[in-house]
Amino acid sequence: MKKNNFTNIAREVIETEIQSLRLLKKSLGSSFNKAVEAILNCKNGKVIISGVGKSGIIAKKISSTLSSVGTPSFFVDASSCSHGDLGQISSNDVLILISFSGETLELKNIIQYANRNKKITLIGIVSKKNSILYKASDIKLLIPEVKEAGPGSIVPTSSTIIQLSMGDALAIATMKYKKFGKTDFKKFHPSGSLGAKLKTVEDLMLTGSKIPFIHENLKMKNALKIISKKKLGVLIARNKNNKTTGIITDGQIRRSSQKNDELKNLKVKEIMTKNPVSVSQEMLAAKALALMNEKKITSLCVKDKKIKNKTIGVIHIHNILEANVY
C-alpha cells in the first residue's frame, strides 16, 4: 500500500469545522436568549427534540444532554410521528426541530401539528431563511450555511458540528441559570467512572451502630475485644458527653503493646491519638482519599455540621476503594 500522510486530510477536516464554529459564534443573537427562556419556562410541559438522518442523531444527543443537566427531555422519531407518535407532543411543550435545509419532508407533519396547537412553542434550528421550518418556528435559531469537509462538500460534517454545538450551548445556558452543580449532576450519573468521581463522604461513610465507638475510660482489654468484633481496624473514643476525643487503630495498638507489657490494663485515653482528623460529609470521596494518603492514615471521622467534636460517621479507605474512587 502506498504510504500516505492522512494526518494532513484530518487537519483540513478539523480546520473546516473550526471555521464553521467561528461562523456559528458570530451568528448568535437575541433569538438564542428567547430559546433558553422558553426551555426554562417549560415547567408544565416537556422539551421534545426531533430531526431526520444525521440531524436526528444530533437531536438524540442534545436531548440526552439536556436531561443529564436537569431539563427533562426526550427524542421523538420524525417518521413515527406521521403514524401516531404525534400524541407524544401536547400543549405547553417546547418542540425543537433540527434541519439544516428546513425542508425535510418527514418534519412537515410535525410542523403543521405544532402550528395548529398555539400552546406548543416551536424552536427551529435551521440554516435557510426561506425554508418551511424557519417560517413556521416561533423562535428561529438560524445557523450559518457552512462548507462541509471533504470532496464536493457532500458529507454532513460541519453542519452537524454546529447543530451539536448549538444544542450544547442551550444545555449549558439552562444548566448555569439553574445553578445545576456537581451534587445535582451526581444524581443523574450514579454509575460509571463519572459517578464514582462525584461520590461524597456521605455516600460511603458508616453510620449508626456501625461506627466503632468506645468510651475513653474503657480498659484496653475490653477495647481489644471491640476492635476485633467490629473488624474495621479502628475505634473512635468518646467522653461522657458523647464528644469525640480520640482514635485508636490496630497498628497503634501493636506498636503500644511492644512498648508496654501492661497495655491491657491501660485506659483507652492513655494511648489514643487525640483530635483525630475529621471531614465534612459533603467532601468528595476522592478528596478524602487524597487526605488519607497525605496523612498516611486509613480512616477519617465525619463531623457533625452544628455540634463541635461530634462524630456522625466514619469512612475507611476500603469503603472508598471498593466504590472505585481513585
C-alpha atoms as a PDB file:
ATOM      1  CA  MET A   1       0.000   0.000   0.000  1.00  0.00           C
ATOM      2  CA  LYS A   2       1.298   3.420  -0.949  1.00  0.00           C
ATOM      3  CA  LYS A   3       2.395   5.451   2.024  1.00  0.00           C
ATOM      4  CA  ASN A   4       0.070   8.415   2.575  1.00  0.00           C
ATOM      5  CA  ASN A   5       0.014  11.212   5.066  1.00  0.00           C
ATOM      6  CA  PHE A   6      -3.610  11.047   6.208  1.00  0.00           C
ATOM      7  CA  THR A   7      -2.945  13.496   9.040  1.00  0.00           C
ATOM      8  CA  ASN A   8      -2.999  16.336   6.518  1.00  0.00           C
ATOM      9  CA  ILE A   9      -6.510  15.330   5.496  1.00  0.00           C
ATOM     10  CA  ALA A  10      -7.514  15.221   9.169  1.00  0.00           C
ATOM     11  CA  ARG A  11      -6.138  18.713   9.742  1.00  0.00           C
ATOM     12  CA  GLU A  12      -8.082  20.026   6.750  1.00  0.00           C
ATOM     13  CA  VAL A  13     -11.314  18.479   8.056  1.00  0.00           C
ATOM     14  CA  ILE A  14     -10.820  19.901  11.531  1.00  0.00           C
ATOM     15  CA  GLU A  15      -9.880  23.344  10.203  1.00  0.00           C
ATOM     16  CA  THR A  16     -13.017  23.417   8.030  1.00  0.00           C
ATOM     17  CA  GLU A  17     -15.150  22.538  11.056  1.00  0.00           C
ATOM     18  CA  ILE A  18     -13.379  25.131  13.212  1.00  0.00           C
ATOM     19  CA  GLN A  19     -14.245  27.798  10.633  1.00  0.00           C
ATOM     20  CA  SER A  20     -17.894  26.700  10.763  1.00  0.00           C
ATOM     21  CA  LEU A  21     -17.916  27.056  14.560  1.00  0.00           C
ATOM     22  CA  ARG A  22     -16.479  30.566  14.250  1.00  0.00           C
ATOM     23  CA  LEU A  23     -19.357  31.472  11.947  1.00  0.00           C
ATOM     24  CA  LEU A  24     -21.843  29.994  14.425  1.00  0.00           C
ATOM     25  CA  LYS A  25     -20.341  32.020  17.263  1.00  0.00           C
ATOM     26  CA  LYS A  26     -20.789  35.246  15.282  1.00  0.00           C
ATOM     27  CA  SER A  27     -24.355  34.383  14.329  1.00  0.00           C
ATOM     28  CA  LEU A  28     -25.756  34.128  17.861  1.00  0.00           C
ATOM     29  CA  GLY A  29     -28.300  36.796  18.744  1.00  0.00           C
ATOM     30  CA  SER A  30     -31.409  37.575  20.765  1.00  0.00           C
ATOM     31  CA  SER A  31     -33.245  34.515  19.459  1.00  0.00           C
ATOM     32  CA  PHE A  32     -30.843  32.315  21.433  1.00  0.00           C
ATOM     33  CA  ASN A  33     -31.878  34.102  24.642  1.00  0.00           C
ATOM     34  CA  LYS A  34     -35.528  33.523  23.759  1.00  0.00           C
ATOM     35  CA  ALA A  35     -34.885  29.821  23.173  1.00  0.00           C
ATOM     36  CA  VAL A  36     -33.189  29.420  26.577  1.00  0.00           C
ATOM     37  CA  GLU A  37     -36.022  31.295  28.294  1.00  0.00           C
ATOM     38  CA  ALA A  38     -38.604  29.074  26.583  1.00  0.00           C
ATOM     39  CA  ILE A  39     -36.834  25.945  27.843  1.00  0.00           C
ATOM     40  CA  LEU A  40     -36.512  27.360  31.370  1.00  0.00           C
ATOM     41  CA  ASN A  41     -40.202  28.333  31.414  1.00  0.00           C
ATOM     42  CA  CYS A  42     -41.317  24.876  30.280  1.00  0.00           C
ATOM     43  CA  LYS A  43     -42.419  23.757  33.738  1.00  0.00           C
ATOM     44  CA  ASN A  44     -45.776  22.181  32.914  1.00  0.00           C
ATOM     45  CA  GLY A  45     -44.708  20.575  29.665  1.00  0.00           C
ATOM     46  CA  LYS A  46     -41.869  18.654  28.087  1.00  0.00           C
ATOM     47  CA  VAL A  47     -38.861  19.548  25.967  1.00  0.00           C
ATOM     48  CA  ILE A  48     -39.105  17.383  22.853  1.00  0.00           C
ATOM     49  CA  ILE A  49     -36.454  17.257  20.129  1.00  0.00           C
ATOM     50  CA  SER A  50     -36.626  15.775  16.653  1.00  0.00           C
ATOM     51  CA  GLY A  51     -34.667  15.610  13.429  1.00  0.00           C
ATOM     52  CA  VAL A  52     -34.120  13.305  10.471  1.00  0.00           C
ATOM     53  CA  GLY A  53     -30.984  11.418   9.440  1.00  0.00           C
ATOM     54  CA  LYS A  54     -27.772  12.896  10.847  1.00  0.00           C
ATOM     55  CA  SER A  55     -29.820  15.742  12.364  1.00  0.00           C
ATOM     56  CA  GLY A  56     -31.867  13.093  14.167  1.00  0.00           C
ATOM     57  CA  ILE A  57     -28.731  11.610  15.687  1.00  0.00           C
ATOM     58  CA  ILE A  58     -27.716  15.087  16.847  1.00  0.00           C
ATOM     59  CA  ALA A  59     -31.222  15.632  18.253  1.00  0.00           C
ATOM     60  CA  LYS A  60     -30.909  12.468  20.362  1.00  0.00           C
ATOM     61  CA  LYS A  61     -27.601  13.649  21.794  1.00  0.00           C
ATOM     62  CA  ILE A  62     -28.934  17.125  22.616  1.00  0.00           C
ATOM     63  CA  SER A  63     -31.978  15.615  24.319  1.00  0.00           C
ATOM     64  CA  SER A  64     -29.741  13.340  26.363  1.00  0.00           C
ATOM     65  CA  THR A  65     -27.504  16.256  27.384  1.00  0.00           C
ATOM     66  CA  LEU A  66     -30.464  18.397  28.473  1.00  0.00           C
ATOM     67  CA  SER A  67     -31.835  15.538  30.593  1.00  0.00           C
ATOM     68  CA  SER A  68     -28.447  14.973  32.211  1.00  0.00           C
ATOM     69  CA  VAL A  69     -28.256  18.578  33.418  1.00  0.00           C
ATOM     70  CA  GLY A  70     -31.728  18.868  34.923  1.00  0.00           C
ATOM     71  CA  THR A  71     -34.019  19.645  31.962  1.00  0.00           C
ATOM     72  CA  PRO A  72     -36.220  16.578  31.294  1.00  0.00           C
ATOM     73  CA  SER A  73     -36.253  15.936  27.564  1.00  0.00           C
ATOM     74  CA  PHE A  74     -36.822  13.162  25.061  1.00  0.00           C
ATOM     75  CA  PHE A  75     -36.297  12.487  21.365  1.00  0.00           C
ATOM     76  CA  VAL A  76     -39.200  11.691  19.073  1.00  0.00           C
ATOM     77  CA  ASP A  77     -38.726   9.967  15.741  1.00  0.00           C
ATOM     78  CA  ALA A  78     -39.998  12.212  12.948  1.00  0.00           C
ATOM     79  CA  SER A  79     -41.135   9.358  10.710  1.00  0.00           C
ATOM     80  CA  SER A  80     -43.094   7.711  13.531  1.00  0.00           C
ATOM     81  CA  CYS A  81     -44.899  10.981  14.191  1.00  0.00           C
ATOM     82  CA  SER A  82     -46.764  10.520  10.924  1.00  0.00           C
ATOM     83  CA  HIS A  83     -48.080   7.207  12.263  1.00  0.00           C
ATOM     84  CA  GLY A  84     -49.417   8.064  15.709  1.00  0.00           C
ATOM     85  CA  ASP A  85     -46.454   9.363  17.713  1.00  0.00           C
ATOM     86  CA  LEU A  86     -47.648  12.965  17.399  1.00  0.00           C
ATOM     87  CA  GLY A  87     -49.650  12.089  20.507  1.00  0.00           C
ATOM     88  CA  GLN A  88     -46.421  12.416  22.493  1.00  0.00           C
ATOM     89  CA  ILE A  89     -46.463  16.164  21.800  1.00  0.00           C
ATOM     90  CA  SER A  90     -49.031  18.209  23.710  1.00  0.00           C
ATOM     91  CA  SER A  91     -49.903  21.699  24.949  1.00  0.00           C
ATOM     92  CA  ASN A  92     -47.247  23.601  26.930  1.00  0.00           C
ATOM     93  CA  ASP A  93     -44.439  21.554  25.359  1.00  0.00           C
ATOM     94  CA  VAL A  94     -41.335  23.065  23.809  1.00  0.00           C
ATOM     95  CA  LEU A  95     -40.623  21.376  20.483  1.00  0.00           C
ATOM     96  CA  ILE A  96     -37.128  21.732  18.988  1.00  0.00           C
ATOM     97  CA  LEU A  97     -36.804  20.678  15.358  1.00  0.00           C
ATOM     98  CA  ILE A  98     -33.374  20.396  13.733  1.00  0.00           C
ATOM     99  CA  SER A  99     -32.915  20.500   9.969  1.00  0.00           C
ATOM    100  CA  PHE A 100     -30.083  22.079   8.029  1.00  0.00           C
ATOM    101  CA  SER A 101     -32.276  22.708   4.977  1.00  0.00           C
ATOM    102  CA  GLY A 102     -35.531  23.254   6.865  1.00  0.00           C
ATOM    103  CA  GLU A 103     -37.356  21.412   4.089  1.00  0.00           C
ATOM    104  CA  THR A 104     -37.066  17.816   5.325  1.00  0.00           C
ATOM    105  CA  LEU A 105     -40.259  16.040   4.261  1.00  0.00           C
ATOM    106  CA  GLU A 106     -40.675  13.975   7.434  1.00  0.00           C
ATOM    107  CA  LEU A 107     -40.773  17.133   9.593  1.00  0.00           C
ATOM    108  CA  LYS A 108     -43.671  18.777   7.749  1.00  0.00           C
ATOM    109  CA  ASN A 109     -46.402  16.878   9.609  1.00  0.00           C
ATOM    110  CA  ILE A 110     -44.812  17.774  12.976  1.00  0.00           C
ATOM    111  CA  ILE A 111     -44.531  21.441  11.958  1.00  0.00           C
ATOM    112  CA  GLN A 112     -48.200  21.573  10.906  1.00  0.00           C
ATOM    113  CA  TYR A 113     -49.272  19.867  14.131  1.00  0.00           C
ATOM    114  CA  ALA A 114     -47.268  22.306  16.271  1.00  0.00           C
ATOM    115  CA  ASN A 115     -48.603  25.339  14.388  1.00  0.00           C
ATOM    116  CA  ARG A 116     -52.202  24.193  14.888  1.00  0.00           C
ATOM    117  CA  ASN A 117     -51.610  23.974  18.629  1.00  0.00           C
ATOM    118  CA  LYS A 118     -50.720  27.534  19.665  1.00  0.00           C
ATOM    119  CA  LYS A 119     -49.620  26.393  23.138  1.00  0.00           C
ATOM    120  CA  ILE A 120     -46.695  24.445  21.685  1.00  0.00           C
ATOM    121  CA  THR A 121     -43.534  26.553  21.367  1.00  0.00           C
ATOM    122  CA  LEU A 122     -41.676  25.565  18.212  1.00  0.00           C
ATOM    123  CA  ILE A 123     -37.932  26.254  18.118  1.00  0.00           C
ATOM    124  CA  GLY A 124     -36.297  25.690  14.739  1.00  0.00           C
ATOM    125  CA  ILE A 125     -32.564  25.109  14.340  1.00  0.00           C
ATOM    126  CA  VAL A 126     -32.167  25.722  10.623  1.00  0.00           C
ATOM    127  CA  SER A 127     -29.829  27.352   8.078  1.00  0.00           C
ATOM    128  CA  LYS A 128     -32.223  28.612   5.382  1.00  0.00           C
ATOM    129  CA  LYS A 129     -34.487  31.630   5.894  1.00  0.00           C
ATOM    130  CA  ASN A 130     -36.836  30.745   3.055  1.00  0.00           C
ATOM    131  CA  SER A 131     -37.489  27.230   4.417  1.00  0.00           C
ATOM    132  CA  ILE A 132     -40.744  25.876   5.858  1.00  0.00           C
ATOM    133  CA  LEU A 133     -39.166  25.281   9.261  1.00  0.00           C
ATOM    134  CA  TYR A 134     -37.735  28.801   9.549  1.00  0.00           C
ATOM    135  CA  LYS A 135     -41.039  30.461   8.607  1.00  0.00           C
ATOM    136  CA  ALA A 136     -43.098  28.211  10.912  1.00  0.00           C
ATOM    137  CA  SER A 137     -40.894  28.485  14.015  1.00  0.00           C
ATOM    138  CA  ASP A 138     -41.892  30.655  16.979  1.00  0.00           C
ATOM    139  CA  ILE A 139     -38.207  31.013  17.830  1.00  0.00           C
ATOM    140  CA  LYS A 140     -35.786  30.880  14.928  1.00  0.00           C
ATOM    141  CA  LEU A 141     -32.226  29.730  15.646  1.00  0.00           C
ATOM    142  CA  LEU A 142     -30.606  30.476  12.318  1.00  0.00           C
ATOM    143  CA  ILE A 143     -27.332  28.637  11.932  1.00  0.00           C
ATOM    144  CA  PRO A 144     -24.877  29.657   9.186  1.00  0.00           C
ATOM    145  CA  GLU A 145     -24.627  27.854   5.871  1.00  0.00           C
ATOM    146  CA  VAL A 146     -21.223  26.258   6.109  1.00  0.00           C
ATOM    147  CA  LYS A 147     -18.818  24.345   3.920  1.00  0.00           C
ATOM    148  CA  GLU A 148     -18.830  20.626   4.614  1.00  0.00           C
ATOM    149  CA  ALA A 149     -15.445  18.951   4.985  1.00  0.00           C
ATOM    150  CA  GLY A 150     -14.346  16.566   2.272  1.00  0.00           C
ATOM    151  CA  PRO A 151     -14.577  16.354  -1.536  1.00  0.00           C
ATOM    152  CA  GLY A 152     -17.621  18.017  -3.044  1.00  0.00           C
ATOM    153  CA  SER A 153     -18.891  19.240   0.326  1.00  0.00           C
ATOM    154  CA  ILE A 154     -21.471  16.431   0.284  1.00  0.00           C
ATOM    155  CA  VAL A 155     -20.918  14.664   3.629  1.00  0.00           C
ATOM    156  CA  PRO A 156     -22.673  16.233   6.668  1.00  0.00           C
ATOM    157  CA  THR A 157     -19.719  17.242   8.831  1.00  0.00           C
ATOM    158  CA  SER A 158     -19.512  20.961   9.545  1.00  0.00           C
ATOM    159  CA  SER A 159     -23.309  21.246   9.523  1.00  0.00           C
ATOM    160  CA  THR A 160     -23.739  18.564  12.195  1.00  0.00           C
ATOM    161  CA  ILE A 161     -20.923  20.055  14.274  1.00  0.00           C
ATOM    162  CA  ILE A 162     -22.691  23.422  14.500  1.00  0.00           C
ATOM    163  CA  GLN A 163     -26.056  21.773  15.223  1.00  0.00           C
ATOM    164  CA  LEU A 164     -24.479  19.867  18.089  1.00  0.00           C
ATOM    165  CA  SER A 165     -22.717  22.974  19.395  1.00  0.00           C
ATOM    166  CA  MET A 166     -25.973  24.923  19.346  1.00  0.00           C
ATOM    167  CA  GLY A 167     -27.601  22.178  21.418  1.00  0.00           C
ATOM    168  CA  ASP A 168     -24.694  22.100  23.867  1.00  0.00           C
ATOM    169  CA  ALA A 169     -24.928  25.879  24.238  1.00  0.00           C
ATOM    170  CA  LEU A 170     -28.647  25.627  25.055  1.00  0.00           C
ATOM    171  CA  ALA A 171     -27.989  22.887  27.623  1.00  0.00           C
ATOM    172  CA  ILE A 172     -25.130  24.701  29.378  1.00  0.00           C
ATOM    173  CA  ALA A 173     -27.039  28.005  29.424  1.00  0.00           C
ATOM    174  CA  THR A 174     -30.013  26.392  31.162  1.00  0.00           C
ATOM    175  CA  MET A 175     -27.673  24.491  33.474  1.00  0.00           C
ATOM    176  CA  LYS A 176     -25.914  27.669  34.602  1.00  0.00           C
ATOM    177  CA  TYR A 177     -29.161  29.553  35.123  1.00  0.00           C
ATOM    178  CA  LYS A 178     -30.479  26.753  37.341  1.00  0.00           C
ATOM    179  CA  LYS A 179     -27.159  26.636  39.239  1.00  0.00           C
ATOM    180  CA  PHE A 180     -27.030  22.934  38.463  1.00  0.00           C
ATOM    181  CA  GLY A 181     -23.851  21.745  40.194  1.00  0.00           C
ATOM    182  CA  LYS A 182     -21.829  18.624  40.961  1.00  0.00           C
ATOM    183  CA  THR A 183     -24.245  17.363  43.592  1.00  0.00           C
ATOM    184  CA  ASP A 184     -27.176  17.632  41.192  1.00  0.00           C
ATOM    185  CA  PHE A 185     -25.148  16.098  38.371  1.00  0.00           C
ATOM    186  CA  LYS A 186     -24.296  13.104  40.548  1.00  0.00           C
ATOM    187  CA  LYS A 187     -27.997  12.252  40.998  1.00  0.00           C
ATOM    188  CA  PHE A 188     -28.338  11.610  37.271  1.00  0.00           C
ATOM    189  CA  HIS A 189     -24.970   9.812  36.945  1.00  0.00           C
ATOM    190  CA  PRO A 190     -24.870   7.254  39.788  1.00  0.00           C
ATOM    191  CA  SER A 191     -22.870   4.674  37.843  1.00  0.00           C
ATOM    192  CA  GLY A 192     -19.631   4.604  35.904  1.00  0.00           C
ATOM    193  CA  SER A 193     -16.369   6.426  36.466  1.00  0.00           C
ATOM    194  CA  LEU A 194     -18.054   9.840  36.420  1.00  0.00           C
ATOM    195  CA  GLY A 195     -20.498   8.828  39.150  1.00  0.00           C
ATOM    196  CA  ALA A 196     -17.648   7.431  41.216  1.00  0.00           C
ATOM    197  CA  LYS A 197     -15.691  10.679  40.981  1.00  0.00           C
ATOM    198  CA  LEU A 198     -18.698  12.621  42.245  1.00  0.00           C
ATOM    199  CA  LYS A 199     -19.428  10.408  45.252  1.00  0.00           C
ATOM    200  CA  THR A 200     -19.212  12.194  48.585  1.00  0.00           C
ATOM    201  CA  VAL A 201     -18.100  11.046  52.004  1.00  0.00           C
ATOM    202  CA  GLU A 202     -21.781  10.869  52.974  1.00  0.00           C
ATOM    203  CA  ASP A 203     -22.414   8.306  50.223  1.00  0.00           C
ATOM    204  CA  LEU A 204     -19.792   5.905  51.586  1.00  0.00           C
ATOM    205  CA  MET A 205     -19.432   6.522  55.320  1.00  0.00           C
ATOM    206  CA  LEU A 206     -20.500   4.091  58.051  1.00  0.00           C
ATOM    207  CA  THR A 207     -23.174   5.396  60.400  1.00  0.00           C
ATOM    208  CA  GLY A 208     -25.204   4.408  63.462  1.00  0.00           C
ATOM    209  CA  SER A 209     -24.267   1.129  65.126  1.00  0.00           C
ATOM    210  CA  LYS A 210     -21.582   0.507  62.508  1.00  0.00           C
ATOM    211  CA  ILE A 211     -19.431   3.301  63.956  1.00  0.00           C
ATOM    212  CA  PRO A 212     -16.923   1.649  66.358  1.00  0.00           C
ATOM    213  CA  PHE A 213     -17.484   3.964  69.341  1.00  0.00           C
ATOM    214  CA  ILE A 214     -15.907   3.276  72.735  1.00  0.00           C
ATOM    215  CA  HIS A 215     -15.652   5.278  75.961  1.00  0.00           C
ATOM    216  CA  GLU A 216     -12.286   6.922  76.557  1.00  0.00           C
ATOM    217  CA  ASN A 217     -12.099   5.448  80.093  1.00  0.00           C
ATOM    218  CA  LEU A 218     -12.608   1.869  78.917  1.00  0.00           C
ATOM    219  CA  LYS A 219      -9.784  -0.548  79.717  1.00  0.00           C
ATOM    220  CA  MET A 220      -7.788  -1.647  76.700  1.00  0.00           C
ATOM    221  CA  LYS A 221      -8.501  -5.324  77.339  1.00  0.00           C
ATOM    222  CA  ASN A 222     -12.157  -4.581  76.556  1.00  0.00           C
ATOM    223  CA  ALA A 223     -11.259  -2.262  73.705  1.00  0.00           C
ATOM    224  CA  LEU A 224      -9.304  -5.106  72.066  1.00  0.00           C
ATOM    225  CA  LYS A 225     -12.425  -7.268  72.018  1.00  0.00           C
ATOM    226  CA  ILE A 226     -14.451  -4.488  70.386  1.00  0.00           C
ATOM    227  CA  ILE A 227     -11.903  -3.748  67.669  1.00  0.00           C
ATOM    228  CA  SER A 228     -11.812  -7.462  66.809  1.00  0.00           C
ATOM    229  CA  LYS A 229     -15.625  -7.624  66.696  1.00  0.00           C
ATOM    230  CA  LYS A 230     -16.070  -4.508  64.547  1.00  0.00           C
ATOM    231  CA  LYS A 231     -13.403  -5.668  62.061  1.00  0.00           C
ATOM    232  CA  LEU A 232     -12.692  -2.119  60.923  1.00  0.00           C
ATOM    233  CA  GLY A 233      -9.226  -1.763  62.411  1.00  0.00           C
ATOM    234  CA  VAL A 234     -10.159   1.433  64.215  1.00  0.00           C
ATOM    235  CA  LEU A 235     -12.010   2.661  67.330  1.00  0.00           C
ATOM    236  CA  ILE A 236     -13.462   6.130  67.939  1.00  0.00           C
ATOM    237  CA  ALA A 237     -13.119   7.267  71.562  1.00  0.00           C
ATOM    238  CA  ARG A 238     -15.756   9.489  73.204  1.00  0.00           C
ATOM    239  CA  ASN A 239     -16.202  11.156  76.592  1.00  0.00           C
ATOM    240  CA  LYS A 240     -19.270  11.106  78.842  1.00  0.00           C
ATOM    241  CA  ASN A 241     -20.850  13.864  76.701  1.00  0.00           C
ATOM    242  CA  ASN A 242     -20.505  11.716  73.565  1.00  0.00           C
ATOM    243  CA  LYS A 243     -17.943  14.116  72.133  1.00  0.00           C
ATOM    244  CA  THR A 244     -15.114  12.549  70.143  1.00  0.00           C
ATOM    245  CA  THR A 245     -11.804  12.769  71.971  1.00  0.00           C
ATOM    246  CA  GLY A 246      -9.525  10.421  70.071  1.00  0.00           C
ATOM    247  CA  ILE A 247      -8.952   7.469  67.759  1.00  0.00           C
ATOM    248  CA  ILE A 248      -7.165   4.148  68.109  1.00  0.00           C
ATOM    249  CA  THR A 249      -6.002   1.975  65.221  1.00  0.00           C
ATOM    250  CA  ASP A 250      -4.895  -1.649  65.250  1.00  0.00           C
ATOM    251  CA  GLY A 251      -1.437  -0.534  64.123  1.00  0.00           C
ATOM    252  CA  GLN A 252      -1.253   1.845  67.047  1.00  0.00           C
ATOM    253  CA  ILE A 253      -2.219  -0.993  69.398  1.00  0.00           C
ATOM    254  CA  ARG A 254       0.520  -3.250  68.028  1.00  0.00           C
ATOM    255  CA  ARG A 255       3.150  -0.552  68.477  1.00  0.00           C
ATOM    256  CA  SER A 256       1.962   0.225  72.022  1.00  0.00           C
ATOM    257  CA  SER A 257       1.981  -3.462  73.029  1.00  0.00           C
ATOM    258  CA  GLN A 258       5.665  -3.689  72.080  1.00  0.00           C
ATOM    259  CA  LYS A 259       6.491  -0.812  74.420  1.00  0.00           C
ATOM    260  CA  ASN A 260       4.153  -1.629  77.296  1.00  0.00           C
ATOM    261  CA  ASP A 261       3.575  -5.106  78.760  1.00  0.00           C
ATOM    262  CA  GLU A 262       0.603  -3.793  80.765  1.00  0.00           C
ATOM    263  CA  LEU A 263      -1.295  -2.489  77.740  1.00  0.00           C
ATOM    264  CA  LYS A 264      -4.468  -4.375  78.629  1.00  0.00           C
ATOM    265  CA  ASN A 265      -4.768  -2.542  81.932  1.00  0.00           C
ATOM    266  CA  LEU A 266      -4.379   0.937  80.459  1.00  0.00           C
ATOM    267  CA  LYS A 267      -7.323   3.142  79.643  1.00  0.00           C
ATOM    268  CA  VAL A 268      -8.153   3.991  76.028  1.00  0.00           C
ATOM    269  CA  LYS A 269      -7.392   7.681  76.581  1.00  0.00           C
ATOM    270  CA  GLU A 270      -3.868   6.841  77.668  1.00  0.00           C
ATOM    271  CA  ILE A 271      -2.816   5.568  74.249  1.00  0.00           C
ATOM    272  CA  MET A 272      -5.317   7.066  71.802  1.00  0.00           C
ATOM    273  CA  THR A 273      -4.422   9.747  69.268  1.00  0.00           C
ATOM    274  CA  LYS A 274      -6.195  12.914  70.347  1.00  0.00           C
ATOM    275  CA  ASN A 275      -8.088  15.225  67.986  1.00  0.00           C
ATOM    276  CA  PRO A 276      -8.480  12.757  65.101  1.00  0.00           C
ATOM    277  CA  VAL A 277      -8.657  14.069  61.542  1.00  0.00           C
ATOM    278  CA  SER A 278     -12.296  14.861  60.743  1.00  0.00           C
ATOM    279  CA  VAL A 279     -14.007  15.838  57.498  1.00  0.00           C
ATOM    280  CA  SER A 280     -17.435  17.059  56.437  1.00  0.00           C
ATOM    281  CA  GLN A 281     -19.936  14.707  54.856  1.00  0.00           C
ATOM    282  CA  GLU A 282     -20.093  16.939  51.745  1.00  0.00           C
ATOM    283  CA  MET A 283     -16.425  16.360  50.888  1.00  0.00           C
ATOM    284  CA  LEU A 284     -15.841  14.396  47.694  1.00  0.00           C
ATOM    285  CA  ALA A 285     -14.685  10.858  48.444  1.00  0.00           C
ATOM    286  CA  ALA A 286     -11.749  11.363  46.079  1.00  0.00           C
ATOM    287  CA  LYS A 287     -10.582  14.312  48.174  1.00  0.00           C
ATOM    288  CA  ALA A 288     -10.976  12.259  51.359  1.00  0.00           C
ATOM    289  CA  LEU A 289      -8.779   9.562  49.804  1.00  0.00           C
ATOM    290  CA  ALA A 290      -6.138  12.141  48.959  1.00  0.00           C
ATOM    291  CA  LEU A 291      -6.225  13.378  52.567  1.00  0.00           C
ATOM    292  CA  MET A 292      -5.748   9.828  53.871  1.00  0.00           C
ATOM    293  CA  ASN A 293      -2.733   9.361  51.600  1.00  0.00           C
ATOM    294  CA  GLU A 294      -1.290  12.690  52.702  1.00  0.00           C
ATOM    295  CA  LYS A 295      -1.727  11.941  56.417  1.00  0.00           C
ATOM    296  CA  LYS A 296      -0.778   8.244  55.970  1.00  0.00           C
ATOM    297  CA  ILE A 297      -3.957   7.101  57.732  1.00  0.00           C
ATOM    298  CA  THR A 298      -6.744   4.693  56.747  1.00  0.00           C
ATOM    299  CA  SER A 299      -9.814   6.198  58.439  1.00  0.00           C
ATOM    300  CA  LEU A 300     -11.449   9.576  58.879  1.00  0.00           C
ATOM    301  CA  CYS A 301     -14.095  10.746  61.321  1.00  0.00           C
ATOM    302  CA  VAL A 302     -17.060  12.523  59.768  1.00  0.00           C
ATOM    303  CA  LYS A 303     -18.067  15.502  61.842  1.00  0.00           C
ATOM    304  CA  ASP A 304     -21.457  16.976  62.625  1.00  0.00           C
ATOM    305  CA  LYS A 305     -22.181  20.309  60.938  1.00  0.00           C
ATOM    306  CA  LYS A 306     -23.510  22.006  64.033  1.00  0.00           C
ATOM    307  CA  ILE A 307     -22.136  20.242  67.104  1.00  0.00           C
ATOM    308  CA  LYS A 308     -18.401  20.567  67.682  1.00  0.00           C
ATOM    309  CA  ASN A 309     -16.421  17.336  68.198  1.00  0.00           C
ATOM    310  CA  LYS A 310     -19.419  15.133  67.454  1.00  0.00           C
ATOM    311  CA  THR A 311     -18.802  12.239  65.055  1.00  0.00           C
ATOM    312  CA  ILE A 312     -21.743  11.169  62.873  1.00  0.00           C
ATOM    313  CA  GLY A 313     -19.857   8.700  60.697  1.00  0.00           C
ATOM    314  CA  VAL A 314     -16.549   7.096  59.858  1.00  0.00           C
ATOM    315  CA  ILE A 315     -15.084   6.412  56.436  1.00  0.00           C
ATOM    316  CA  HIS A 316     -12.392   3.815  55.837  1.00  0.00           C
ATOM    317  CA  ILE A 317     -10.055   3.696  52.861  1.00  0.00           C
ATOM    318  CA  HIS A 318     -11.596   0.351  51.880  1.00  0.00           C
ATOM    319  CA  ASN A 319     -15.041   1.998  51.555  1.00  0.00           C
ATOM    320  CA  ILE A 320     -13.581   4.423  49.031  1.00  0.00           C
ATOM    321  CA  LEU A 321     -11.575   1.921  47.013  1.00  0.00           C
ATOM    322  CA  GLU A 322     -14.499  -0.539  46.831  1.00  0.00           C
ATOM    323  CA  ALA A 323     -16.567   2.270  45.266  1.00  0.00           C
ATOM    324  CA  ASN A 324     -13.930   2.566  42.503  1.00  0.00           C
ATOM    325  CA  VAL A 325     -12.907   6.040  43.630  1.00  0.00           C
ATOM    326  CA  TYR A 326      -9.245   6.660  42.832  1.00  0.00           C
END
